[in-house]
Amino acid sequence: MAMLGHRDPRMAVRYQYLAAGPWRRGVRYRPMNAAGCARRRLVLGALTALLAAARVDAQPPRRARVGVLASSTESNFGPSVKVFVAGLAAAGWVEGRNLTLDVRYPGDEYTRLSALAAELVKLKVDVIAAMGTPATEAAKQATKTIPIVMESLSDVVASGLVSNLARPDGNITGVSGFSPELSGKRLELLREIIPRVERIGVLLNRANAATVPVLRATEAAAQQMRMRLYVVEVRQPAAIPGAFEALVKARSEALVLVADPLLFSELPRIVELAARHRLPAVYETARFAERGGLVSYGPLTQERFRQMAAYVDRILRGSQPGDLPFERPRTFELVLNLQAARGLGLEISPALRLRADHVIE
């Protein structure tokens, strides 16, 4: 047998391992003749071509223009927009290179959303990324043809945005963080922290139609748990201090905040007022607990906006929004703020601390 590394004049010698493991004693080799070498070159050439084609397909096929319509202030939605833009970049859509991004914020005025949505339509964006139910409603009114990828914590079917989560069929798809069962779980958290709690204040904004299904789910859960709800409506930030005074006057023992972009934009003030009036509060997003709120339980915020970016990418590459089923939350997180608990004179049980995904000392 020819020695390894030497040429047999009768063969174009290549050696292949026959033994199971590499670098083992007793490994035998066999020569590959010229025909085998040719076959190998053909196979390798075909694989190289396929890999090259895959790399080409992985690149964005063209330049795109994406409109982003948020439901409230830049301070509220700015971090989420950054997550969304990072998700697009990971998919190959880079602002300034092959992507033009048009971002619109209405501030604290939902009434501005219709005009902002019309602006994006006039710009002939390829896709509108609508963050929050009010923004989605405005985008839906502005266009029936431009694809809309939405994000919301609401029941998008009950809100009338789509008729079916599995197959939306129209020009809207996206991510729905609505999980009605979480309304009951938030009340359970309050009762676990305050065993005898009965009177629960609810702060919401009825200008956002998405709050209605959430309120109904909360009312149903409260009835089963023999709790009484006192609902206070807020439509403008200026009304928030008065709303807390009304909650205290009604002898509310705890607070539930119904998700709403306008209320989320007032996060620091709401957390401060809850602490001042000694109202233990449960929130839907971790940002409140991280900023001094007592407890939060809900879907991961960043996950939803990454999912939005993935859907925008698929639509830009040719998918139809009506064929893309709505994404639902995959992960929920429980965040406890022990400093806030101490300020309220509350003791958080070791069992609840162990269940928490994040405990703020």
Protein backbone atom coordinates (compact mmCIF):
# COMPACT_ATOMS: atom_id res chain seq x y z
CA MET A 1 0.00 0.00 0.00
CA ALA A 2 1.30 3.47 -0.84
CA MET A 3 2.60 5.49 2.07
CA LEU A 4 0.50 8.43 3.29
CA GLY A 5 1.58 11.59 1.49
CA HIS A 6 3.27 9.75 -1.42
CA ARG A 7 1.74 9.44 -4.91
CA ASP A 8 0.94 6.14 -6.56
CA PRO A 9 1.68 6.68 -10.26
CA ARG A 10 -1.32 4.58 -11.23
CA MET A 11 -3.80 6.61 -9.18
CA ALA A 12 -4.64 10.14 -8.22
CA VAL A 13 -4.36 9.19 -4.58
CA ARG A 14 -6.65 10.66 -1.91
CA TYR A 15 -7.05 8.98 1.43
CA GLN A 16 -10.18 8.71 3.50
CA TYR A 17 -10.60 7.53 7.05
CA LEU A 18 -12.38 4.22 7.45
CA ALA A 19 -12.13 3.92 11.20
CA ALA A 20 -14.80 5.35 13.50
CA GLY A 21 -12.73 7.81 15.46
CA PRO A 22 -10.00 10.23 14.36
CA TRP A 23 -6.40 9.90 15.39
CA ARG A 24 -6.72 6.33 16.64
CA ARG A 25 -4.07 3.69 16.30
CA GLY A 26 -4.73 1.13 13.64
CA VAL A 27 -6.57 3.55 11.37
CA ARG A 28 -6.67 2.19 7.86
CA TYR A 29 -6.83 4.26 4.71
CA ARG A 30 -7.97 3.49 1.23
CA PRO A 31 -7.00 5.31 -1.92
CA MET A 32 -9.60 7.19 -4.00
CA ASN A 33 -9.11 6.77 -7.71
CA ALA A 34 -9.46 9.49 -10.37
CA ALA A 35 -13.17 8.81 -10.94
CA GLY A 36 -13.85 9.12 -7.22
CA CYS A 37 -11.94 12.38 -7.12
CA ALA A 38 -14.02 13.75 -9.99
CA ARG A 39 -17.26 12.78 -8.25
CA ARG A 40 -16.04 14.44 -5.09
CA ARG A 41 -15.24 17.66 -6.98
CA LEU A 42 -18.72 17.65 -8.51
CA VAL A 43 -20.39 17.16 -5.13
CA LEU A 44 -18.28 19.87 -3.49
CA GLY A 45 -18.94 22.22 -6.38
CA ALA A 46 -22.69 21.65 -6.11
CA LEU A 47 -22.62 22.21 -2.35
CA THR A 48 -20.62 25.42 -2.80
CA ALA A 49 -23.15 26.68 -5.34
CA LEU A 50 -26.05 25.87 -3.03
CA LEU A 51 -24.40 27.64 -0.10
CA ALA A 52 -23.70 30.68 -2.27
CA ALA A 53 -27.33 30.74 -3.40
CA ALA A 54 -28.48 30.48 0.24
CA ARG A 55 -26.30 33.43 1.15
CA VAL A 56 -27.81 35.46 -1.69
CA ASP A 57 -31.35 34.51 -0.64
CA ALA A 58 -30.54 35.53 2.93
CA GLN A 59 -29.80 39.08 1.83
CA PRO A 60 -32.68 41.58 1.59
CA PRO A 61 -33.84 41.60 -2.04
CA ARG A 62 -34.25 45.40 -2.34
CA ARG A 63 -34.41 48.71 -0.53
CA ALA A 64 -37.43 49.11 1.73
CA ARG A 65 -39.33 51.87 3.49
CA VAL A 66 -40.99 51.09 6.82
CA GLY A 67 -43.28 53.40 8.76
CA VAL A 68 -43.52 53.15 12.55
CA LEU A 69 -46.61 54.57 14.22
CA ALA A 70 -46.48 54.58 18.03
CA SER A 71 -49.52 55.16 20.22
CA SER A 72 -48.00 57.75 22.56
CA THR A 73 -44.81 59.56 23.47
CA GLU A 74 -41.24 58.89 22.38
CA SER A 75 -40.22 58.48 26.03
CA ASN A 76 -42.74 55.64 26.30
CA PHE A 77 -42.20 53.86 22.98
CA GLY A 78 -38.63 54.89 22.16
CA PRO A 79 -37.01 51.84 23.84
CA SER A 80 -39.43 49.52 22.04
CA VAL A 81 -38.67 51.16 18.69
CA LYS A 82 -34.96 50.52 19.33
CA VAL A 83 -35.66 46.82 19.92
CA PHE A 84 -37.73 46.72 16.73
CA VAL A 85 -35.01 48.44 14.67
CA ALA A 86 -32.38 46.06 16.08
CA GLY A 87 -34.57 43.13 15.03
CA LEU A 88 -34.78 44.48 11.49
CA ALA A 89 -31.00 44.95 11.39
CA ALA A 90 -30.50 41.34 12.52
CA ALA A 91 -32.67 40.29 9.56
CA GLY A 92 -30.51 42.33 7.16
CA TRP A 93 -32.51 45.57 6.97
CA VAL A 94 -30.14 48.37 8.07
CA GLU A 95 -31.28 51.98 8.28
CA GLY A 96 -29.28 54.19 5.93
CA ARG A 97 -28.13 51.23 3.84
CA ASN A 98 -31.18 49.43 2.50
CA LEU A 99 -33.88 50.71 4.85
CA THR A 100 -35.64 54.05 5.27
CA LEU A 101 -37.44 54.34 8.59
CA ASP A 102 -40.20 56.89 9.21
CA VAL A 103 -41.18 57.07 12.90
CA ARG A 104 -44.18 59.03 14.17
CA TYR A 105 -45.17 59.76 17.81
CA PRO A 106 -48.49 61.48 18.68
CA GLY A 107 -47.44 62.51 22.18
CA ASP A 108 -50.35 62.39 24.63
CA GLU A 109 -53.01 63.03 21.97
CA TYR A 110 -54.65 59.98 20.39
CA THR A 111 -56.48 62.41 18.08
CA ARG A 112 -53.21 63.07 16.22
CA LEU A 113 -52.83 59.44 15.19
CA SER A 114 -55.13 59.67 12.15
CA ALA A 115 -53.09 62.49 10.60
CA LEU A 116 -49.81 60.71 11.33
CA ALA A 117 -51.09 57.49 9.76
CA ALA A 118 -52.13 59.46 6.67
CA GLU A 119 -48.59 60.89 6.47
CA LEU A 120 -47.10 57.41 6.36
CA VAL A 121 -49.53 56.38 3.63
CA LYS A 122 -48.53 59.42 1.54
CA LEU A 123 -44.88 58.45 1.95
CA LYS A 124 -45.78 55.11 0.29
CA VAL A 125 -44.14 53.00 2.96
CA ASP A 126 -43.95 49.28 2.27
CA VAL A 127 -45.15 48.30 5.75
CA ILE A 128 -46.57 50.13 8.76
CA ALA A 129 -45.45 48.87 12.16
CA ALA A 130 -48.25 49.98 14.51
CA MET A 131 -47.33 49.94 18.19
CA GLY A 132 -50.41 49.79 20.39
CA THR A 133 -54.10 49.44 19.62
CA PRO A 134 -54.84 53.17 19.05
CA ALA A 135 -52.05 53.37 16.46
CA THR A 136 -53.35 50.22 14.76
CA GLU A 137 -56.89 51.58 14.57
CA ALA A 138 -55.58 54.77 12.93
CA ALA A 139 -53.45 52.81 10.46
CA LYS A 140 -56.38 50.55 9.59
CA GLN A 141 -58.55 53.58 8.81
CA ALA A 142 -55.78 55.11 6.69
CA THR A 143 -55.12 52.14 4.38
CA LYS A 144 -56.64 48.87 3.27
CA THR A 145 -53.68 47.88 1.08
CA ILE A 146 -50.41 48.66 2.86
CA PRO A 147 -49.49 45.76 5.17
CA ILE A 148 -49.78 46.58 8.88
CA VAL A 149 -47.83 44.68 11.53
CA MET A 150 -49.25 45.56 14.92
CA GLU A 151 -48.39 45.05 18.58
CA SER A 152 -50.95 45.22 21.34
CA LEU A 153 -51.77 43.93 24.80
CA SER A 154 -55.46 43.95 23.87
CA ASP A 155 -57.91 41.41 22.47
CA VAL A 156 -57.52 42.26 18.77
CA VAL A 157 -60.56 40.17 17.79
CA ALA A 158 -62.89 41.77 20.35
CA SER A 159 -61.50 45.18 19.35
CA GLY A 160 -62.55 44.50 15.75
CA LEU A 161 -59.06 44.85 14.30
CA VAL A 162 -59.10 41.34 12.82
CA SER A 163 -61.69 38.58 12.64
CA ASN A 164 -59.37 35.64 13.21
CA LEU A 165 -55.99 35.19 14.90
CA ALA A 166 -54.99 32.09 12.95
CA ARG A 167 -55.68 33.61 9.54
CA PRO A 168 -56.27 37.38 9.66
CA ASP A 169 -56.97 37.52 5.87
CA GLY A 170 -56.82 41.32 5.62
CA ASN A 171 -53.79 43.63 5.61
CA ILE A 172 -53.18 43.35 9.38
CA THR A 173 -51.15 40.82 11.34
CA GLY A 174 -48.73 41.02 14.23
CA VAL A 175 -48.33 40.25 17.91
CA SER A 176 -51.12 40.17 20.47
CA GLY A 177 -50.03 40.14 24.09
CA PHE A 178 -53.61 39.81 25.29
CA SER A 179 -54.01 36.99 27.76
CA PRO A 180 -57.32 37.35 29.64
CA GLU A 181 -56.30 34.73 32.18
CA LEU A 182 -53.59 37.13 33.39
CA SER A 183 -56.25 39.50 34.74
CA GLY A 184 -57.21 36.87 37.30
CA LYS A 185 -53.60 36.06 38.09
CA ARG A 186 -52.86 39.71 38.87
CA LEU A 187 -55.74 39.79 41.34
CA GLU A 188 -54.43 36.56 42.85
CA LEU A 189 -51.05 38.21 43.32
CA LEU A 190 -52.66 41.07 45.24
CA ARG A 191 -54.51 38.63 47.48
CA GLU A 192 -51.35 36.65 48.09
CA ILE A 193 -49.56 39.82 49.17
CA ILE A 194 -52.58 41.23 51.07
CA PRO A 195 -54.67 38.19 52.10
CA ARG A 196 -57.79 40.13 53.16
CA VAL A 197 -57.89 42.61 50.29
CA GLU A 198 -61.41 43.13 48.90
CA ARG A 199 -61.74 46.61 47.39
CA ILE A 200 -59.65 46.98 44.23
CA GLY A 201 -59.30 50.23 42.35
CA VAL A 202 -58.97 50.01 38.56
CA LEU A 203 -57.31 52.80 36.59
CA LEU A 204 -58.00 52.81 32.83
CA ASN A 205 -58.45 54.96 29.75
CA ARG A 206 -61.73 54.30 27.93
CA ALA A 207 -60.53 56.38 24.99
CA ASN A 208 -58.56 53.23 24.17
CA ALA A 209 -61.20 50.70 23.10
CA ALA A 210 -58.77 47.89 23.87
CA THR A 211 -59.30 48.39 27.60
CA VAL A 212 -62.89 47.14 27.49
CA PRO A 213 -62.10 43.39 27.04
CA VAL A 214 -59.42 43.63 29.74
CA LEU A 215 -61.87 45.26 32.14
CA ARG A 216 -64.44 42.53 31.46
CA ALA A 217 -61.88 39.83 32.20
CA THR A 218 -60.87 41.62 35.41
CA GLU A 219 -64.51 41.97 36.48
CA ALA A 220 -65.15 38.26 35.89
CA ALA A 221 -62.08 37.29 37.92
CA ALA A 222 -63.00 39.70 40.73
CA GLN A 223 -66.49 38.24 40.96
CA GLN A 224 -65.10 34.73 41.37
CA MET A 225 -62.70 35.93 44.06
CA ARG A 226 -65.39 37.99 45.82
CA MET A 227 -63.59 41.27 45.24
CA ARG A 228 -65.23 44.60 44.53
CA LEU A 229 -63.87 46.85 41.80
CA TYR A 230 -63.94 50.62 41.73
CA VAL A 231 -63.20 51.85 38.22
CA VAL A 232 -61.73 55.30 37.59
CA GLU A 233 -61.29 56.61 34.06
CA VAL A 234 -58.40 58.77 32.88
CA ARG A 235 -58.30 60.28 29.38
CA GLN A 236 -55.63 62.94 29.89
CA PRO A 237 -52.44 62.98 31.99
CA ALA A 238 -53.73 66.00 33.91
CA ALA A 239 -56.54 63.84 35.33
CA ILE A 240 -54.23 61.31 36.97
CA PRO A 241 -53.79 63.03 40.39
CA GLY A 242 -57.56 63.47 40.71
CA ALA A 243 -58.07 59.82 39.78
CA PHE A 244 -55.89 58.71 42.70
CA GLU A 245 -57.80 60.98 45.06
CA ALA A 246 -61.02 59.33 43.88
CA LEU A 247 -59.55 55.87 44.48
CA VAL A 248 -58.58 56.79 48.02
CA LYS A 249 -61.99 58.36 48.69
CA ALA A 250 -63.60 55.10 47.58
CA ARG A 251 -61.44 53.30 50.19
CA SER A 252 -59.59 51.22 47.60
CA GLU A 253 -57.12 48.84 49.23
CA ALA A 254 -55.07 48.09 46.12
CA LEU A 255 -54.77 49.10 42.47
CA VAL A 256 -54.83 47.45 39.06
CA LEU A 257 -53.60 49.48 36.10
CA VAL A 258 -55.12 48.45 32.75
CA ALA A 259 -52.53 48.61 29.96
CA ASP A 260 -52.77 51.79 27.91
CA PRO A 261 -50.06 53.76 26.05
CA LEU A 262 -51.14 57.09 27.50
CA LEU A 263 -51.00 55.75 31.06
CA PHE A 264 -47.70 54.00 30.36
CA SER A 265 -46.23 57.33 29.28
CA GLU A 266 -47.04 58.62 32.79
CA LEU A 267 -45.22 55.75 34.49
CA PRO A 268 -43.11 57.80 37.00
CA ARG A 269 -46.09 59.84 38.17
CA ILE A 270 -48.37 56.81 38.56
CA VAL A 271 -45.76 54.90 40.59
CA GLU A 272 -45.11 57.96 42.78
CA LEU A 273 -48.82 58.57 43.43
CA ALA A 274 -49.45 54.90 44.25
CA ALA A 275 -46.66 55.04 46.84
CA ARG A 276 -47.85 58.40 48.25
CA HIS A 277 -51.41 57.14 48.69
CA ARG A 278 -50.16 53.77 49.98
CA LEU A 279 -51.93 51.78 47.28
CA PRO A 280 -50.26 48.43 46.52
CA ALA A 281 -50.44 48.16 42.73
CA VAL A 282 -50.04 45.40 40.17
CA TYR A 283 -48.99 46.28 36.61
CA GLU A 284 -48.79 44.51 33.26
CA THR A 285 -45.20 45.36 32.34
CA ALA A 286 -41.92 45.06 34.21
CA ARG A 287 -41.03 48.71 33.60
CA PHE A 288 -43.37 49.75 36.42
CA ALA A 289 -41.83 47.41 38.98
CA GLU A 290 -38.35 48.39 37.84
CA ARG A 291 -39.22 52.05 38.42
CA GLY A 292 -40.60 51.54 41.93
CA GLY A 293 -43.95 49.79 41.46
CA LEU A 294 -44.81 46.90 43.78
CA VAL A 295 -45.35 44.02 41.37
CA SER A 296 -45.79 43.34 37.66
CA TYR A 297 -46.88 40.28 35.73
CA GLY A 298 -47.16 40.04 31.97
CA PRO A 299 -45.49 39.10 28.69
CA LEU A 300 -41.93 40.15 27.95
CA THR A 301 -41.95 43.54 26.27
CA GLN A 302 -38.85 43.13 24.12
CA GLU A 303 -39.98 39.76 22.84
CA ARG A 304 -43.08 41.29 21.25
CA PHE A 305 -41.14 43.93 19.34
CA ARG A 306 -38.58 41.40 18.09
CA GLN A 307 -41.50 39.31 16.82
CA MET A 308 -42.85 42.40 15.04
CA ALA A 309 -39.52 42.88 13.28
CA ALA A 310 -39.53 39.24 12.15
CA TYR A 311 -42.99 39.67 10.60
CA VAL A 312 -42.01 42.91 8.85
CA ASP A 313 -39.01 41.07 7.42
CA ARG A 314 -41.20 38.26 6.08
CA ILE A 315 -43.61 40.71 4.46
CA LEU A 316 -40.77 42.67 2.85
CA ARG A 317 -39.58 39.38 1.36
CA GLY A 318 -42.96 38.58 -0.17
CA SER A 319 -45.27 37.10 2.50
CA GLN A 320 -48.84 38.35 2.69
CA PRO A 321 -49.99 39.67 6.10
CA GLY A 322 -53.28 37.81 5.86
CA ASP A 323 -51.39 34.51 5.67
CA LEU A 324 -49.36 35.17 8.83
CA PRO A 325 -51.11 34.09 12.06
CA PHE A 326 -50.95 36.38 15.04
CA GLU A 327 -48.09 35.65 17.40
CA ARG A 328 -49.00 35.14 21.05
CA PRO A 329 -46.80 35.67 24.11
CA ARG A 330 -44.38 32.83 24.73
CA THR A 331 -42.89 34.01 27.99
CA PHE A 332 -44.32 35.81 31.01
CA GLU A 333 -42.39 37.38 33.83
CA LEU A 334 -43.19 38.14 37.45
CA VAL A 335 -41.21 41.03 38.93
CA LEU A 336 -41.29 41.96 42.62
CA ASN A 337 -39.97 45.18 44.12
CA LEU A 338 -39.13 44.51 47.77
CA GLN A 339 -38.14 48.12 48.38
CA ALA A 340 -41.64 49.20 47.35
CA ALA A 341 -43.12 46.50 49.59
CA ARG A 342 -41.16 47.77 52.60
CA GLY A 343 -42.33 51.30 51.88
CA LEU A 344 -45.93 50.07 52.01
CA GLY A 345 -45.32 48.02 55.15
CA LEU A 346 -45.90 44.74 53.32
CA GLU A 347 -44.11 41.43 53.75
CA ILE A 348 -43.53 39.33 50.62
CA SER A 349 -43.62 35.62 51.38
CA PRO A 350 -40.57 33.44 50.61
CA ALA A 351 -42.77 31.29 48.32
CA LEU A 352 -43.71 34.30 46.17
CA ARG A 353 -40.09 35.44 46.04
CA LEU A 354 -39.06 32.03 44.74
CA ARG A 355 -41.69 32.17 42.00
CA ALA A 356 -40.57 35.59 40.82
CA ASP A 357 -38.42 35.87 37.72
CA HIS A 358 -36.79 39.02 39.05
CA VAL A 359 -36.65 40.39 42.60
CA ILE A 360 -35.62 44.00 43.11
CA GLU A 361 -34.05 44.44 46.52
